[in-house]
Protein backbone atom coordinates (compact mmCIF):
# COMPACT_ATOMS: atom_id res chain seq x y z
CA MET A 1 48.59 25.73 -36.05
CA THR A 2 49.48 26.33 -39.63
CA ASN A 3 46.87 26.98 -42.30
CA LYS A 4 47.45 23.49 -43.72
CA GLU A 5 46.88 21.91 -40.31
CA LEU A 6 43.67 23.88 -39.83
CA LEU A 7 42.44 22.69 -43.22
CA TYR A 8 43.14 19.11 -42.15
CA VAL A 9 41.19 19.57 -38.92
CA GLU A 10 38.30 21.16 -40.82
CA ASP A 11 38.26 18.24 -43.25
CA ALA A 12 38.38 15.72 -40.42
CA LEU A 13 35.49 17.49 -38.67
CA GLY A 14 33.44 17.24 -41.83
CA HIS A 15 34.17 13.54 -42.22
CA GLU A 16 33.36 12.70 -38.61
CA THR A 17 30.15 14.74 -38.71
CA PHE A 18 29.13 12.88 -41.86
CA MET A 19 29.92 9.47 -40.34
CA LYS A 20 28.07 10.33 -37.12
CA THR A 21 24.99 11.45 -39.06
CA CYS A 22 25.02 8.41 -41.35
CA SER A 23 25.44 6.03 -38.42
CA LYS A 24 22.56 7.60 -36.55
CA LYS A 25 20.20 7.51 -39.53
CA THR A 26 21.17 3.93 -40.35
CA SER A 27 20.74 2.64 -36.79
CA GLU A 28 17.24 4.13 -36.68
CA LYS A 29 16.25 2.32 -39.89
CA LEU A 30 17.64 -1.11 -39.05
CA THR A 31 15.26 -3.77 -37.78
CA ASP A 32 17.92 -6.26 -36.64
CA PRO A 33 18.63 -5.35 -32.99
CA THR A 34 22.19 -6.72 -33.04
CA LEU A 35 23.15 -4.82 -36.17
CA SER A 36 21.43 -1.68 -34.91
CA ALA A 37 23.37 -1.88 -31.63
CA TYR A 38 26.64 -2.23 -33.56
CA VAL A 39 25.89 0.80 -35.71
CA LYS A 40 25.02 2.76 -32.55
CA GLU A 41 28.48 1.85 -31.23
CA LEU A 42 29.94 3.26 -34.44
CA GLU A 43 27.93 6.43 -33.91
CA ALA A 44 29.35 6.75 -30.38
CA LYS A 45 32.88 6.19 -31.72
CA HIS A 46 32.51 8.90 -34.34
CA THR A 47 30.95 11.26 -31.79
CA GLY A 48 34.01 10.75 -29.60
CA LEU A 49 36.37 11.39 -32.50
CA LEU A 50 34.43 14.51 -33.45
CA ASN A 51 34.71 15.81 -29.89
CA LYS A 52 38.47 15.14 -29.87
CA PHE A 53 38.91 17.15 -33.06
CA LEU A 54 36.77 19.98 -31.66
CA ASN A 55 38.96 20.06 -28.56
CA LEU A 56 41.96 20.77 -30.79
CA LEU A 57 40.39 24.11 -31.61
């Protein structure tokens, strides 16, 4: 990988980590079970994307 590509992957890892963390914190605070379940799905999606990016390395 080129240096530019590695910078892109590093940036993407940061974004996915941020989204995963925000989703987790938000789902824990929500009182509506339907909305909380949806945000947990988002957390799972971002966890999967994070793992895919990590596998590139």
